[in-house]
């Protein structure tokens, strides 16, 4: 089951996801959530995948569907928090060339 946490930073909405992107009901929930954010006139969306440790091909398709929906509304969608495994999968499938990825930088103390 997917859980969402939505935070706004100026004109950017960050949608943090916890769970796995592996089957159709989860994919539909993600797309519905993105559509809801767009209805609120938030056009710049970052999906944080830090707490997603498994993603199936359906999950990749759902992210691409969300990207298309956001871009058709005149917005932009980006990703952050990718694990090494998910980053590798996105690299192999050439998703990284389609969606921009933010890399988190750790602050020095």
Protein backbone atom coordinates (compact mmCIF):
# COMPACT_ATOMS: atom_id res chain seq x y z
CA UNK A 1 0.00 0.00 0.00
CA UNK A 2 1.26 3.47 -0.88
CA UNK A 3 1.40 6.34 1.56
CA UNK A 4 1.84 9.95 0.46
CA UNK A 5 3.18 13.01 2.22
CA UNK A 6 2.74 16.27 0.35
CA UNK A 7 4.79 19.38 1.16
CA UNK A 8 4.88 22.75 -0.58
CA UNK A 9 8.01 24.84 -0.99
CA UNK A 10 7.06 28.00 -2.84
CA UNK A 11 5.87 26.96 -6.30
CA UNK A 12 7.12 23.37 -5.90
CA UNK A 13 5.12 20.49 -4.43
CA UNK A 14 7.15 17.56 -3.13
CA UNK A 15 5.26 14.28 -3.01
CA UNK A 16 7.05 11.74 -0.82
CA UNK A 17 5.99 8.16 -1.42
CA UNK A 18 6.34 5.25 0.97
CA UNK A 19 5.65 1.73 -0.19
CA UNK A 20 6.24 -0.20 -3.38
CA UNK A 21 5.28 0.70 -6.92
CA UNK A 22 4.49 -2.77 -8.12
CA UNK A 23 0.83 -3.26 -9.06
CA UNK A 24 -2.10 -1.56 -10.78
CA UNK A 25 -4.02 -0.20 -7.74
CA UNK A 26 -0.85 1.51 -6.50
CA UNK A 27 -0.18 3.00 -9.94
CA UNK A 28 -3.71 4.38 -10.11
CA UNK A 29 -3.36 5.92 -6.63
CA UNK A 30 -0.16 7.68 -7.70
CA UNK A 31 -1.74 9.10 -10.85
CA UNK A 32 -4.85 10.21 -8.92
CA UNK A 33 -2.66 11.98 -6.37
CA UNK A 34 -0.71 13.80 -9.11
CA UNK A 35 -4.00 14.82 -10.78
CA UNK A 36 -5.25 16.16 -7.44
CA UNK A 37 -2.07 18.21 -6.97
CA UNK A 38 -2.50 19.65 -10.48
CA UNK A 39 -6.10 20.63 -9.67
CA UNK A 40 -4.65 22.73 -6.84
CA UNK A 41 -2.69 24.65 -9.53
CA UNK A 42 0.66 23.18 -8.43
CA UNK A 43 2.55 22.77 -11.70
CA UNK A 44 6.05 21.93 -10.44
CA UNK A 45 6.10 18.52 -8.78
CA UNK A 46 8.96 16.50 -7.35
CA UNK A 47 8.31 12.86 -6.51
CA UNK A 48 10.53 11.71 -3.65
CA UNK A 49 11.25 7.98 -3.95
CA UNK A 50 13.53 7.75 -0.92
CA UNK A 51 11.17 5.31 0.83
CA UNK A 52 10.35 3.26 -2.27
CA UNK A 53 12.62 0.24 -2.37
CA UNK A 54 10.85 -1.75 -5.05
CA UNK A 55 9.54 -0.59 -8.38
CA UNK A 56 8.18 -2.83 -11.12
CA UNK A 57 7.79 -2.04 -14.80
CA UNK A 58 4.24 -0.93 -14.02
CA UNK A 59 5.74 1.63 -11.61
CA UNK A 60 7.96 3.03 -14.33
CA UNK A 61 4.93 3.24 -16.61
CA UNK A 62 2.96 5.05 -13.89
CA UNK A 63 5.72 7.62 -13.42
CA UNK A 64 5.84 8.22 -17.18
CA UNK A 65 2.05 8.57 -17.23
CA UNK A 66 2.30 11.15 -14.42
CA UNK A 67 5.02 12.99 -16.34
CA UNK A 68 2.82 13.16 -19.43
CA UNK A 69 -0.15 14.41 -17.40
CA UNK A 70 1.92 17.13 -15.71
CA UNK A 71 3.59 18.28 -18.93
CA UNK A 72 0.24 18.36 -20.77
CA UNK A 73 -0.95 20.82 -18.09
CA UNK A 74 2.14 22.99 -18.66
CA UNK A 75 4.05 21.83 -15.60
CA UNK A 76 7.16 19.82 -14.85
CA UNK A 77 7.78 16.64 -12.87
CA UNK A 78 11.11 15.58 -11.43
CA UNK A 79 12.35 12.80 -9.18
CA UNK A 80 14.57 12.64 -6.11
CA UNK A 81 15.62 10.12 -3.48
CA UNK A 82 16.38 7.26 -5.84
CA UNK A 83 18.14 4.27 -4.33
CA UNK A 84 21.10 2.85 -6.26
CA UNK A 85 18.90 -0.01 -7.48
CA UNK A 86 16.12 2.26 -8.74
CA UNK A 87 18.63 4.69 -10.25
CA UNK A 88 20.23 1.79 -12.13
CA UNK A 89 16.83 0.61 -13.37
CA UNK A 90 15.95 4.13 -14.54
CA UNK A 91 19.32 4.39 -16.26
CA UNK A 92 18.92 1.06 -18.08
CA UNK A 93 15.41 2.00 -19.26
CA UNK A 94 16.58 5.50 -20.33
CA UNK A 95 14.08 7.18 -17.97
CA UNK A 96 16.87 9.38 -16.64
CA UNK A 97 17.08 10.98 -20.07
CA UNK A 98 13.38 11.84 -19.97
CA UNK A 99 12.87 12.94 -16.35
CA UNK A 100 15.30 15.14 -14.46
CA UNK A 101 16.64 13.67 -11.23
CA UNK A 102 17.56 15.76 -8.20
CA UNK A 103 20.41 14.37 -6.14
CA UNK A 104 20.25 15.19 -2.45
CA UNK A 105 23.40 16.58 -1.01
CA UNK A 106 24.27 15.95 2.60
CA UNK A 107 25.31 18.97 4.56
CA UNK A 108 28.59 18.90 6.40
CA UNK A 109 28.35 19.51 10.11
